[in-house]
PDBML (XML) file of the C-alpha atoms, coordinates in Angstrom:
<?xml version="1.0" encoding="UTF-8" ?>
<PDBx:datablock datablockName="MODEL"
   xmlns:PDBx="http://pdbml.pdb.org/schema/pdbx-v50.xsd"
   xmlns:xsi="http://www.w3.org/2001/XMLSchema-instance"
   xsi:schemaLocation="http://pdbml.pdb.org/schema/pdbx-v50.xsd pdbx-v50.xsd">
   <PDBx:atom_siteCategory>
      <PDBx:atom_site id="1">
         <PDBx:B_iso_or_equiv>0.00</PDBx:B_iso_or_equiv>
         <PDBx:Cartn_x>0.000</PDBx:Cartn_x>
         <PDBx:Cartn_y>0.000</PDBx:Cartn_y>
         <PDBx:Cartn_z>0.000</PDBx:Cartn_z>
         <PDBx:auth_asym_id>A</PDBx:auth_asym_id>
         <PDBx:auth_atom_id>CA</PDBx:auth_atom_id>
         <PDBx:auth_comp_id>LEU</PDBx:auth_comp_id>
         <PDBx:auth_seq_id>1</PDBx:auth_seq_id>
         <PDBx:group_PDB>ATOM</PDBx:group_PDB>
         <PDBx:label_alt_id xsi:nil="true" />
         <PDBx:label_asym_id>A</PDBx:label_asym_id>
         <PDBx:label_atom_id>CA</PDBx:label_atom_id>
         <PDBx:label_comp_id>LEU</PDBx:label_comp_id>
         <PDBx:label_entity_id>1</PDBx:label_entity_id>
         <PDBx:label_seq_id>1</PDBx:label_seq_id>
         <PDBx:occupancy>1.00</PDBx:occupancy>
         <PDBx:pdbx_PDB_model_num>1</PDBx:pdbx_PDB_model_num>
         <PDBx:type_symbol>C</PDBx:type_symbol>
      </PDBx:atom_site>
      <PDBx:atom_site id="2">
         <PDBx:B_iso_or_equiv>0.00</PDBx:B_iso_or_equiv>
         <PDBx:Cartn_x>2.868</PDBx:Cartn_x>
         <PDBx:Cartn_y>2.349</PDBx:Cartn_y>
         <PDBx:Cartn_z>0.816</PDBx:Cartn_z>
         <PDBx:auth_asym_id>A</PDBx:auth_asym_id>
         <PDBx:auth_atom_id>CA</PDBx:auth_atom_id>
         <PDBx:auth_comp_id>ARG</PDBx:auth_comp_id>
         <PDBx:auth_seq_id>2</PDBx:auth_seq_id>
         <PDBx:group_PDB>ATOM</PDBx:group_PDB>
         <PDBx:label_alt_id xsi:nil="true" />
         <PDBx:label_asym_id>A</PDBx:label_asym_id>
         <PDBx:label_atom_id>CA</PDBx:label_atom_id>
         <PDBx:label_comp_id>ARG</PDBx:label_comp_id>
         <PDBx:label_entity_id>1</PDBx:label_entity_id>
         <PDBx:label_seq_id>2</PDBx:label_seq_id>
         <PDBx:occupancy>1.00</PDBx:occupancy>
         <PDBx:pdbx_PDB_model_num>1</PDBx:pdbx_PDB_model_num>
         <PDBx:type_symbol>C</PDBx:type_symbol>
      </PDBx:atom_site>
      <PDBx:atom_site id="3">
         <PDBx:B_iso_or_equiv>0.00</PDBx:B_iso_or_equiv>
         <PDBx:Cartn_x>4.552</PDBx:Cartn_x>
         <PDBx:Cartn_y>1.670</PDBx:Cartn_y>
         <PDBx:Cartn_z>-2.520</PDBx:Cartn_z>
         <PDBx:auth_asym_id>A</PDBx:auth_asym_id>
         <PDBx:auth_atom_id>CA</PDBx:auth_atom_id>
         <PDBx:auth_comp_id>HIS</PDBx:auth_comp_id>
         <PDBx:auth_seq_id>3</PDBx:auth_seq_id>
         <PDBx:group_PDB>ATOM</PDBx:group_PDB>
         <PDBx:label_alt_id xsi:nil="true" />
         <PDBx:label_asym_id>A</PDBx:label_asym_id>
         <PDBx:label_atom_id>CA</PDBx:label_atom_id>
         <PDBx:label_comp_id>HIS</PDBx:label_comp_id>
         <PDBx:label_entity_id>1</PDBx:label_entity_id>
         <PDBx:label_seq_id>3</PDBx:label_seq_id>
         <PDBx:occupancy>1.00</PDBx:occupancy>
         <PDBx:pdbx_PDB_model_num>1</PDBx:pdbx_PDB_model_num>
         <PDBx:type_symbol>C</PDBx:type_symbol>
      </PDBx:atom_site>
      <PDBx:atom_site id="4">
         <PDBx:B_iso_or_equiv>0.00</PDBx:B_iso_or_equiv>
         <PDBx:Cartn_x>1.251</PDBx:Cartn_x>
         <PDBx:Cartn_y>2.121</PDBx:Cartn_y>
         <PDBx:Cartn_z>-4.363</PDBx:Cartn_z>
         <PDBx:auth_asym_id>A</PDBx:auth_asym_id>
         <PDBx:auth_atom_id>CA</PDBx:auth_atom_id>
         <PDBx:auth_comp_id>ALA</PDBx:auth_comp_id>
         <PDBx:auth_seq_id>4</PDBx:auth_seq_id>
         <PDBx:group_PDB>ATOM</PDBx:group_PDB>
         <PDBx:label_alt_id xsi:nil="true" />
         <PDBx:label_asym_id>A</PDBx:label_asym_id>
         <PDBx:label_atom_id>CA</PDBx:label_atom_id>
         <PDBx:label_comp_id>ALA</PDBx:label_comp_id>
         <PDBx:label_entity_id>1</PDBx:label_entity_id>
         <PDBx:label_seq_id>4</PDBx:label_seq_id>
         <PDBx:occupancy>1.00</PDBx:occupancy>
         <PDBx:pdbx_PDB_model_num>1</PDBx:pdbx_PDB_model_num>
         <PDBx:type_symbol>C</PDBx:type_symbol>
      </PDBx:atom_site>
      <PDBx:atom_site id="5">
         <PDBx:B_iso_or_equiv>0.00</PDBx:B_iso_or_equiv>
         <PDBx:Cartn_x>0.799</PDBx:Cartn_x>
         <PDBx:Cartn_y>5.487</PDBx:Cartn_y>
         <PDBx:Cartn_z>-2.655</PDBx:Cartn_z>
         <PDBx:auth_asym_id>A</PDBx:auth_asym_id>
         <PDBx:auth_atom_id>CA</PDBx:auth_atom_id>
         <PDBx:auth_comp_id>GLY</PDBx:auth_comp_id>
         <PDBx:auth_seq_id>5</PDBx:auth_seq_id>
         <PDBx:group_PDB>ATOM</PDBx:group_PDB>
         <PDBx:label_alt_id xsi:nil="true" />
         <PDBx:label_asym_id>A</PDBx:label_asym_id>
         <PDBx:label_atom_id>CA</PDBx:label_atom_id>
         <PDBx:label_comp_id>GLY</PDBx:label_comp_id>
         <PDBx:label_entity_id>1</PDBx:label_entity_id>
         <PDBx:label_seq_id>5</PDBx:label_seq_id>
         <PDBx:occupancy>1.00</PDBx:occupancy>
         <PDBx:pdbx_PDB_model_num>1</PDBx:pdbx_PDB_model_num>
         <PDBx:type_symbol>C</PDBx:type_symbol>
      </PDBx:atom_site>
      <PDBx:atom_site id="6">
         <PDBx:B_iso_or_equiv>0.00</PDBx:B_iso_or_equiv>
         <PDBx:Cartn_x>4.238</PDBx:Cartn_x>
         <PDBx:Cartn_y>6.682</PDBx:Cartn_y>
         <PDBx:Cartn_z>-3.718</PDBx:Cartn_z>
         <PDBx:auth_asym_id>A</PDBx:auth_asym_id>
         <PDBx:auth_atom_id>CA</PDBx:auth_atom_id>
         <PDBx:auth_comp_id>MET</PDBx:auth_comp_id>
         <PDBx:auth_seq_id>6</PDBx:auth_seq_id>
         <PDBx:group_PDB>ATOM</PDBx:group_PDB>
         <PDBx:label_alt_id xsi:nil="true" />
         <PDBx:label_asym_id>A</PDBx:label_asym_id>
         <PDBx:label_atom_id>CA</PDBx:label_atom_id>
         <PDBx:label_comp_id>MET</PDBx:label_comp_id>
         <PDBx:label_entity_id>1</PDBx:label_entity_id>
         <PDBx:label_seq_id>6</PDBx:label_seq_id>
         <PDBx:occupancy>1.00</PDBx:occupancy>
         <PDBx:pdbx_PDB_model_num>1</PDBx:pdbx_PDB_model_num>
         <PDBx:type_symbol>C</PDBx:type_symbol>
      </PDBx:atom_site>
      <PDBx:atom_site id="7">
         <PDBx:B_iso_or_equiv>0.00</PDBx:B_iso_or_equiv>
         <PDBx:Cartn_x>3.602</PDBx:Cartn_x>
         <PDBx:Cartn_y>5.486</PDBx:Cartn_y>
         <PDBx:Cartn_z>-7.269</PDBx:Cartn_z>
         <PDBx:auth_asym_id>A</PDBx:auth_asym_id>
         <PDBx:auth_atom_id>CA</PDBx:auth_atom_id>
         <PDBx:auth_comp_id>THR</PDBx:auth_comp_id>
         <PDBx:auth_seq_id>7</PDBx:auth_seq_id>
         <PDBx:group_PDB>ATOM</PDBx:group_PDB>
         <PDBx:label_alt_id xsi:nil="true" />
         <PDBx:label_asym_id>A</PDBx:label_asym_id>
         <PDBx:label_atom_id>CA</PDBx:label_atom_id>
         <PDBx:label_comp_id>THR</PDBx:label_comp_id>
         <PDBx:label_entity_id>1</PDBx:label_entity_id>
         <PDBx:label_seq_id>7</PDBx:label_seq_id>
         <PDBx:occupancy>1.00</PDBx:occupancy>
         <PDBx:pdbx_PDB_model_num>1</PDBx:pdbx_PDB_model_num>
         <PDBx:type_symbol>C</PDBx:type_symbol>
      </PDBx:atom_site>
      <PDBx:atom_site id="8">
         <PDBx:B_iso_or_equiv>0.00</PDBx:B_iso_or_equiv>
         <PDBx:Cartn_x>0.321</PDBx:Cartn_x>
         <PDBx:Cartn_y>7.422</PDBx:Cartn_y>
         <PDBx:Cartn_z>-7.416</PDBx:Cartn_z>
         <PDBx:auth_asym_id>A</PDBx:auth_asym_id>
         <PDBx:auth_atom_id>CA</PDBx:auth_atom_id>
         <PDBx:auth_comp_id>VAL</PDBx:auth_comp_id>
         <PDBx:auth_seq_id>8</PDBx:auth_seq_id>
         <PDBx:group_PDB>ATOM</PDBx:group_PDB>
         <PDBx:label_alt_id xsi:nil="true" />
         <PDBx:label_asym_id>A</PDBx:label_asym_id>
         <PDBx:label_atom_id>CA</PDBx:label_atom_id>
         <PDBx:label_comp_id>VAL</PDBx:label_comp_id>
         <PDBx:label_entity_id>1</PDBx:label_entity_id>
         <PDBx:label_seq_id>8</PDBx:label_seq_id>
         <PDBx:occupancy>1.00</PDBx:occupancy>
         <PDBx:pdbx_PDB_model_num>1</PDBx:pdbx_PDB_model_num>
         <PDBx:type_symbol>C</PDBx:type_symbol>
      </PDBx:atom_site>
      <PDBx:atom_site id="9">
         <PDBx:B_iso_or_equiv>0.00</PDBx:B_iso_or_equiv>
         <PDBx:Cartn_x>2.044</PDBx:Cartn_x>
         <PDBx:Cartn_y>10.568</PDBx:Cartn_y>
         <PDBx:Cartn_z>-6.130</PDBx:Cartn_z>
         <PDBx:auth_asym_id>A</PDBx:auth_asym_id>
         <PDBx:auth_atom_id>CA</PDBx:auth_atom_id>
         <PDBx:auth_comp_id>VAL</PDBx:auth_comp_id>
         <PDBx:auth_seq_id>9</PDBx:auth_seq_id>
         <PDBx:group_PDB>ATOM</PDBx:group_PDB>
         <PDBx:label_alt_id xsi:nil="true" />
         <PDBx:label_asym_id>A</PDBx:label_asym_id>
         <PDBx:label_atom_id>CA</PDBx:label_atom_id>
         <PDBx:label_comp_id>VAL</PDBx:label_comp_id>
         <PDBx:label_entity_id>1</PDBx:label_entity_id>
         <PDBx:label_seq_id>9</PDBx:label_seq_id>
         <PDBx:occupancy>1.00</PDBx:occupancy>
         <PDBx:pdbx_PDB_model_num>1</PDBx:pdbx_PDB_model_num>
         <PDBx:type_symbol>C</PDBx:type_symbol>
      </PDBx:atom_site>
      <PDBx:atom_site id="10">
         <PDBx:B_iso_or_equiv>0.00</PDBx:B_iso_or_equiv>
         <PDBx:Cartn_x>4.825</PDBx:Cartn_x>
         <PDBx:Cartn_y>10.115</PDBx:Cartn_y>
         <PDBx:Cartn_z>-8.684</PDBx:Cartn_z>
         <PDBx:auth_asym_id>A</PDBx:auth_asym_id>
         <PDBx:auth_atom_id>CA</PDBx:auth_atom_id>
         <PDBx:auth_comp_id>GLY</PDBx:auth_comp_id>
         <PDBx:auth_seq_id>10</PDBx:auth_seq_id>
         <PDBx:group_PDB>ATOM</PDBx:group_PDB>
         <PDBx:label_alt_id xsi:nil="true" />
         <PDBx:label_asym_id>A</PDBx:label_asym_id>
         <PDBx:label_atom_id>CA</PDBx:label_atom_id>
         <PDBx:label_comp_id>GLY</PDBx:label_comp_id>
         <PDBx:label_entity_id>1</PDBx:label_entity_id>
         <PDBx:label_seq_id>10</PDBx:label_seq_id>
         <PDBx:occupancy>1.00</PDBx:occupancy>
         <PDBx:pdbx_PDB_model_num>1</PDBx:pdbx_PDB_model_num>
         <PDBx:type_symbol>C</PDBx:type_symbol>
      </PDBx:atom_site>
      <PDBx:atom_site id="11">
         <PDBx:B_iso_or_equiv>0.00</PDBx:B_iso_or_equiv>
         <PDBx:Cartn_x>2.382</PDBx:Cartn_x>
         <PDBx:Cartn_y>9.588</PDBx:Cartn_y>
         <PDBx:Cartn_z>-11.541</PDBx:Cartn_z>
         <PDBx:auth_asym_id>A</PDBx:auth_asym_id>
         <PDBx:auth_atom_id>CA</PDBx:auth_atom_id>
         <PDBx:auth_comp_id>LEU</PDBx:auth_comp_id>
         <PDBx:auth_seq_id>11</PDBx:auth_seq_id>
         <PDBx:group_PDB>ATOM</PDBx:group_PDB>
         <PDBx:label_alt_id xsi:nil="true" />
         <PDBx:label_asym_id>A</PDBx:label_asym_id>
         <PDBx:label_atom_id>CA</PDBx:label_atom_id>
         <PDBx:label_comp_id>LEU</PDBx:label_comp_id>
         <PDBx:label_entity_id>1</PDBx:label_entity_id>
         <PDBx:label_seq_id>11</PDBx:label_seq_id>
         <PDBx:occupancy>1.00</PDBx:occupancy>
         <PDBx:pdbx_PDB_model_num>1</PDBx:pdbx_PDB_model_num>
         <PDBx:type_symbol>C</PDBx:type_symbol>
      </PDBx:atom_site>
      <PDBx:atom_site id="12">
         <PDBx:B_iso_or_equiv>0.00</PDBx:B_iso_or_equiv>
         <PDBx:Cartn_x>0.397</PDBx:Cartn_x>
         <PDBx:Cartn_y>12.695</PDBx:Cartn_y>
         <PDBx:Cartn_z>-10.606</PDBx:Cartn_z>
         <PDBx:auth_asym_id>A</PDBx:auth_asym_id>
         <PDBx:auth_atom_id>CA</PDBx:auth_atom_id>
         <PDBx:auth_comp_id>ILE</PDBx:auth_comp_id>
         <PDBx:auth_seq_id>12</PDBx:auth_seq_id>
         <PDBx:group_PDB>ATOM</PDBx:group_PDB>
         <PDBx:label_alt_id xsi:nil="true" />
         <PDBx:label_asym_id>A</PDBx:label_asym_id>
         <PDBx:label_atom_id>CA</PDBx:label_atom_id>
         <PDBx:label_comp_id>ILE</PDBx:label_comp_id>
         <PDBx:label_entity_id>1</PDBx:label_entity_id>
         <PDBx:label_seq_id>12</PDBx:label_seq_id>
         <PDBx:occupancy>1.00</PDBx:occupancy>
         <PDBx:pdbx_PDB_model_num>1</PDBx:pdbx_PDB_model_num>
         <PDBx:type_symbol>C</PDBx:type_symbol>
      </PDBx:atom_site>
      <PDBx:atom_site id="13">
         <PDBx:B_iso_or_equiv>0.00</PDBx:B_iso_or_equiv>
         <PDBx:Cartn_x>3.556</PDBx:Cartn_x>
         <PDBx:Cartn_y>14.820</PDBx:Cartn_y>
         <PDBx:Cartn_z>-10.329</PDBx:Cartn_z>
         <PDBx:auth_asym_id>A</PDBx:auth_asym_id>
         <PDBx:auth_atom_id>CA</PDBx:auth_atom_id>
         <PDBx:auth_comp_id>MET</PDBx:auth_comp_id>
         <PDBx:auth_seq_id>13</PDBx:auth_seq_id>
         <PDBx:group_PDB>ATOM</PDBx:group_PDB>
         <PDBx:label_alt_id xsi:nil="true" />
         <PDBx:label_asym_id>A</PDBx:label_asym_id>
         <PDBx:label_atom_id>CA</PDBx:label_atom_id>
         <PDBx:label_comp_id>MET</PDBx:label_comp_id>
         <PDBx:label_entity_id>1</PDBx:label_entity_id>
         <PDBx:label_seq_id>13</PDBx:label_seq_id>
         <PDBx:occupancy>1.00</PDBx:occupancy>
         <PDBx:pdbx_PDB_model_num>1</PDBx:pdbx_PDB_model_num>
         <PDBx:type_symbol>C</PDBx:type_symbol>
      </PDBx:atom_site>
      <PDBx:atom_site id="14">
         <PDBx:B_iso_or_equiv>0.00</PDBx:B_iso_or_equiv>
         <PDBx:Cartn_x>4.791</PDBx:Cartn_x>
         <PDBx:Cartn_y>13.540</PDBx:Cartn_y>
         <PDBx:Cartn_z>-13.706</PDBx:Cartn_z>
         <PDBx:auth_asym_id>A</PDBx:auth_asym_id>
         <PDBx:auth_atom_id>CA</PDBx:auth_atom_id>
         <PDBx:auth_comp_id>THR</PDBx:auth_comp_id>
         <PDBx:auth_seq_id>14</PDBx:auth_seq_id>
         <PDBx:group_PDB>ATOM</PDBx:group_PDB>
         <PDBx:label_alt_id xsi:nil="true" />
         <PDBx:label_asym_id>A</PDBx:label_asym_id>
         <PDBx:label_atom_id>CA</PDBx:label_atom_id>
         <PDBx:label_comp_id>THR</PDBx:label_comp_id>
         <PDBx:label_entity_id>1</PDBx:label_entity_id>
         <PDBx:label_seq_id>14</PDBx:label_seq_id>
         <PDBx:occupancy>1.00</PDBx:occupancy>
         <PDBx:pdbx_PDB_model_num>1</PDBx:pdbx_PDB_model_num>
         <PDBx:type_symbol>C</PDBx:type_symbol>
      </PDBx:atom_site>
      <PDBx:atom_site id="15">
         <PDBx:B_iso_or_equiv>0.00</PDBx:B_iso_or_equiv>
         <PDBx:Cartn_x>1.539</PDBx:Cartn_x>
         <PDBx:Cartn_y>13.604</PDBx:Cartn_y>
         <PDBx:Cartn_z>-15.656</PDBx:Cartn_z>
         <PDBx:auth_asym_id>A</PDBx:auth_asym_id>
         <PDBx:auth_atom_id>CA</PDBx:auth_atom_id>
         <PDBx:auth_comp_id>LEU</PDBx:auth_comp_id>
         <PDBx:auth_seq_id>15</PDBx:auth_seq_id>
         <PDBx:group_PDB>ATOM</PDBx:group_PDB>
         <PDBx:label_alt_id xsi:nil="true" />
         <PDBx:label_asym_id>A</PDBx:label_asym_id>
         <PDBx:label_atom_id>CA</PDBx:label_atom_id>
         <PDBx:label_comp_id>LEU</PDBx:label_comp_id>
         <PDBx:label_entity_id>1</PDBx:label_entity_id>
         <PDBx:label_seq_id>15</PDBx:label_seq_id>
         <PDBx:occupancy>1.00</PDBx:occupancy>
         <PDBx:pdbx_PDB_model_num>1</PDBx:pdbx_PDB_model_num>
         <PDBx:type_symbol>C</PDBx:type_symbol>
      </PDBx:atom_site>
      <PDBx:atom_site id="16">
         <PDBx:B_iso_or_equiv>0.00</PDBx:B_iso_or_equiv>
         <PDBx:Cartn_x>0.358</PDBx:Cartn_x>
         <PDBx:Cartn_y>17.054</PDBx:Cartn_y>
         <PDBx:Cartn_z>-14.541</PDBx:Cartn_z>
         <PDBx:auth_asym_id>A</PDBx:auth_asym_id>
         <PDBx:auth_atom_id>CA</PDBx:auth_atom_id>
         <PDBx:auth_comp_id>LEU</PDBx:auth_comp_id>
         <PDBx:auth_seq_id>16</PDBx:auth_seq_id>
         <PDBx:group_PDB>ATOM</PDBx:group_PDB>
         <PDBx:label_alt_id xsi:nil="true" />
         <PDBx:label_asym_id>A</PDBx:label_asym_id>
         <PDBx:label_atom_id>CA</PDBx:label_atom_id>
         <PDBx:label_comp_id>LEU</PDBx:label_comp_id>
         <PDBx:label_entity_id>1</PDBx:label_entity_id>
         <PDBx:label_seq_id>16</PDBx:label_seq_id>
         <PDBx:occupancy>1.00</PDBx:occupancy>
         <PDBx:pdbx_PDB_model_num>1</PDBx:pdbx_PDB_model_num>
         <PDBx:type_symbol>C</PDBx:type_symbol>
      </PDBx:atom_site>
      <PDBx:atom_site id="17">
         <PDBx:B_iso_or_equiv>0.00</PDBx:B_iso_or_equiv>
         <PDBx:Cartn_x>3.345</PDBx:Cartn_x>
         <PDBx:Cartn_y>18.817</PDBx:Cartn_y>
         <PDBx:Cartn_z>-16.176</PDBx:Cartn_z>
         <PDBx:auth_asym_id>A</PDBx:auth_asym_id>
         <PDBx:auth_atom_id>CA</PDBx:auth_atom_id>
         <PDBx:auth_comp_id>PRO</PDBx:auth_comp_id>
         <PDBx:auth_seq_id>17</PDBx:auth_seq_id>
         <PDBx:group_PDB>ATOM</PDBx:group_PDB>
         <PDBx:label_alt_id xsi:nil="true" />
         <PDBx:label_asym_id>A</PDBx:label_asym_id>
         <PDBx:label_atom_id>CA</PDBx:label_atom_id>
         <PDBx:label_comp_id>PRO</PDBx:label_comp_id>
         <PDBx:label_entity_id>1</PDBx:label_entity_id>
         <PDBx:label_seq_id>17</PDBx:label_seq_id>
         <PDBx:occupancy>1.00</PDBx:occupancy>
         <PDBx:pdbx_PDB_model_num>1</PDBx:pdbx_PDB_model_num>
         <PDBx:type_symbol>C</PDBx:type_symbol>
      </PDBx:atom_site>
      <PDBx:atom_site id="18">
         <PDBx:B_iso_or_equiv>0.00</PDBx:B_iso_or_equiv>
         <PDBx:Cartn_x>2.798</PDBx:Cartn_x>
         <PDBx:Cartn_y>16.839</PDBx:Cartn_y>
         <PDBx:Cartn_z>-19.383</PDBx:Cartn_z>
         <PDBx:auth_asym_id>A</PDBx:auth_asym_id>
         <PDBx:auth_atom_id>CA</PDBx:auth_atom_id>
         <PDBx:auth_comp_id>LEU</PDBx:auth_comp_id>
         <PDBx:auth_seq_id>18</PDBx:auth_seq_id>
         <PDBx:group_PDB>ATOM</PDBx:group_PDB>
         <PDBx:label_alt_id xsi:nil="true" />
         <PDBx:label_asym_id>A</PDBx:label_asym_id>
         <PDBx:label_atom_id>CA</PDBx:label_atom_id>
         <PDBx:label_comp_id>LEU</PDBx:label_comp_id>
         <PDBx:label_entity_id>1</PDBx:label_entity_id>
         <PDBx:label_seq_id>18</PDBx:label_seq_id>
         <PDBx:occupancy>1.00</PDBx:occupancy>
         <PDBx:pdbx_PDB_model_num>1</PDBx:pdbx_PDB_model_num>
         <PDBx:type_symbol>C</PDBx:type_symbol>
      </PDBx:atom_site>
      <PDBx:atom_site id="19">
         <PDBx:B_iso_or_equiv>0.00</PDBx:B_iso_or_equiv>
         <PDBx:Cartn_x>-0.907</PDBx:Cartn_x>
         <PDBx:Cartn_y>17.694</PDBx:Cartn_y>
         <PDBx:Cartn_z>-19.459</PDBx:Cartn_z>
         <PDBx:auth_asym_id>A</PDBx:auth_asym_id>
         <PDBx:auth_atom_id>CA</PDBx:auth_atom_id>
         <PDBx:auth_comp_id>LEU</PDBx:auth_comp_id>
         <PDBx:auth_seq_id>19</PDBx:auth_seq_id>
         <PDBx:group_PDB>ATOM</PDBx:group_PDB>
         <PDBx:label_alt_id xsi:nil="true" />
         <PDBx:label_asym_id>A</PDBx:label_asym_id>
         <PDBx:label_atom_id>CA</PDBx:label_atom_id>
         <PDBx:label_comp_id>LEU</PDBx:label_comp_id>
         <PDBx:label_entity_id>1</PDBx:label_entity_id>
         <PDBx:label_seq_id>19</PDBx:label_seq_id>
         <PDBx:occupancy>1.00</PDBx:occupancy>
         <PDBx:pdbx_PDB_model_num>1</PDBx:pdbx_PDB_model_num>
         <PDBx:type_symbol>C</PDBx:type_symbol>
      </PDBx:atom_site>
      <PDBx:atom_site id="20">
         <PDBx:B_iso_or_equiv>0.00</PDBx:B_iso_or_equiv>
         <PDBx:Cartn_x>-0.580</PDBx:Cartn_x>
         <PDBx:Cartn_y>21.300</PDBx:Cartn_y>
         <PDBx:Cartn_z>-18.243</PDBx:Cartn_z>
         <PDBx:auth_asym_id>A</PDBx:auth_asym_id>
         <PDBx:auth_atom_id>CA</PDBx:auth_atom_id>
         <PDBx:auth_comp_id>PHE</PDBx:auth_comp_id>
         <PDBx:auth_seq_id>20</PDBx:auth_seq_id>
         <PDBx:group_PDB>ATOM</PDBx:group_PDB>
         <PDBx:label_alt_id xsi:nil="true" />
         <PDBx:label_asym_id>A</PDBx:label_asym_id>
         <PDBx:label_atom_id>CA</PDBx:label_atom_id>
         <PDBx:label_comp_id>PHE</PDBx:label_comp_id>
         <PDBx:label_entity_id>1</PDBx:label_entity_id>
         <PDBx:label_seq_id>20</PDBx:label_seq_id>
         <PDBx:occupancy>1.00</PDBx:occupancy>
         <PDBx:pdbx_PDB_model_num>1</PDBx:pdbx_PDB_model_num>
         <PDBx:type_symbol>C</PDBx:type_symbol>
      </PDBx:atom_site>
      <PDBx:atom_site id="21">
         <PDBx:B_iso_or_equiv>0.00</PDBx:B_iso_or_equiv>
         <PDBx:Cartn_x>3.067</PDBx:Cartn_x>
         <PDBx:Cartn_y>22.267</PDBx:Cartn_y>
         <PDBx:Cartn_z>-18.766</PDBx:Cartn_z>
         <PDBx:auth_asym_id>A</PDBx:auth_asym_id>
         <PDBx:auth_atom_id>CA</PDBx:auth_atom_id>
         <PDBx:auth_comp_id>PRO</PDBx:auth_comp_id>
         <PDBx:auth_seq_id>21</PDBx:auth_seq_id>
         <PDBx:group_PDB>ATOM</PDBx:group_PDB>
         <PDBx:label_alt_id xsi:nil="true" />
         <PDBx:label_asym_id>A</PDBx:label_asym_id>
         <PDBx:label_atom_id>CA</PDBx:label_atom_id>
         <PDBx:label_comp_id>PRO</PDBx:label_comp_id>
         <PDBx:label_entity_id>1</PDBx:label_entity_id>
         <PDBx:label_seq_id>21</PDBx:label_seq_id>
         <PDBx:occupancy>1.00</PDBx:occupancy>
         <PDBx:pdbx_PDB_model_num>1</PDBx:pdbx_PDB_model_num>
         <PDBx:type_symbol>C</PDBx:type_symbol>
      </PDBx:atom_site>
      <PDBx:atom_site id="22">
         <PDBx:B_iso_or_equiv>0.00</PDBx:B_iso_or_equiv>
         <PDBx:Cartn_x>2.495</PDBx:Cartn_x>
         <PDBx:Cartn_y>25.981</PDBx:Cartn_y>
         <PDBx:Cartn_z>-18.280</PDBx:Cartn_z>
         <PDBx:auth_asym_id>A</PDBx:auth_asym_id>
         <PDBx:auth_atom_id>CA</PDBx:auth_atom_id>
         <PDBx:auth_comp_id>ARG</PDBx:auth_comp_id>
         <PDBx:auth_seq_id>22</PDBx:auth_seq_id>
         <PDBx:group_PDB>ATOM</PDBx:group_PDB>
         <PDBx:label_alt_id xsi:nil="true" />
         <PDBx:label_asym_id>A</PDBx:label_asym_id>
         <PDBx:label_atom_id>CA</PDBx:label_atom_id>
         <PDBx:label_comp_id>ARG</PDBx:label_comp_id>
         <PDBx:label_entity_id>1</PDBx:label_entity_id>
         <PDBx:label_seq_id>22</PDBx:label_seq_id>
         <PDBx:occupancy>1.00</PDBx:occupancy>
         <PDBx:pdbx_PDB_model_num>1</PDBx:pdbx_PDB_model_num>
         <PDBx:type_symbol>C</PDBx:type_symbol>
      </PDBx:atom_site>
      <PDBx:atom_site id="23">
         <PDBx:B_iso_or_equiv>0.00</PDBx:B_iso_or_equiv>
         <PDBx:Cartn_x>1.400</PDBx:Cartn_x>
         <PDBx:Cartn_y>25.591</PDBx:Cartn_y>
         <PDBx:Cartn_z>-14.665</PDBx:Cartn_z>
         <PDBx:auth_asym_id>A</PDBx:auth_asym_id>
         <PDBx:auth_atom_id>CA</PDBx:auth_atom_id>
         <PDBx:auth_comp_id>TRP</PDBx:auth_comp_id>
         <PDBx:auth_seq_id>23</PDBx:auth_seq_id>
         <PDBx:group_PDB>ATOM</PDBx:group_PDB>
         <PDBx:label_alt_id xsi:nil="true" />
         <PDBx:label_asym_id>A</PDBx:label_asym_id>
         <PDBx:label_atom_id>CA</PDBx:label_atom_id>
         <PDBx:label_comp_id>TRP</PDBx:label_comp_id>
         <PDBx:label_entity_id>1</PDBx:label_entity_id>
         <PDBx:label_seq_id>23</PDBx:label_seq_id>
         <PDBx:occupancy>1.00</PDBx:occupancy>
         <PDBx:pdbx_PDB_model_num>1</PDBx:pdbx_PDB_model_num>
         <PDBx:type_symbol>C</PDBx:type_symbol>
      </PDBx:atom_site>
      <PDBx:atom_site id="24">
         <PDBx:B_iso_or_equiv>0.00</PDBx:B_iso_or_equiv>
         <PDBx:Cartn_x>2.949</PDBx:Cartn_x>
         <PDBx:Cartn_y>22.372</PDBx:Cartn_y>
         <PDBx:Cartn_z>-13.375</PDBx:Cartn_z>
         <PDBx:auth_asym_id>A</PDBx:auth_asym_id>
         <PDBx:auth_atom_id>CA</PDBx:auth_atom_id>
         <PDBx:auth_comp_id>PHE</PDBx:auth_comp_id>
         <PDBx:auth_seq_id>24</PDBx:auth_seq_id>
         <PDBx:group_PDB>ATOM</PDBx:group_PDB>
         <PDBx:label_alt_id xsi:nil="true" />
         <PDBx:label_asym_id>A</PDBx:label_asym_id>
         <PDBx:label_atom_id>CA</PDBx:label_atom_id>
         <PDBx:label_comp_id>PHE</PDBx:label_comp_id>
         <PDBx:label_entity_id>1</PDBx:label_entity_id>
         <PDBx:label_seq_id>24</PDBx:label_seq_id>
         <PDBx:occupancy>1.00</PDBx:occupancy>
         <PDBx:pdbx_PDB_model_num>1</PDBx:pdbx_PDB_model_num>
         <PDBx:type_symbol>C</PDBx:type_symbol>
      </PDBx:atom_site>
   </PDBx:atom_siteCategory>
</PDBx:datablock>
């Protein structure tokens, strides 16, 4: 569960800049 949580955080922090590069 801990590893899954870190993976979710990492995915969010990586995908947001790719989807909205101007802001993230």
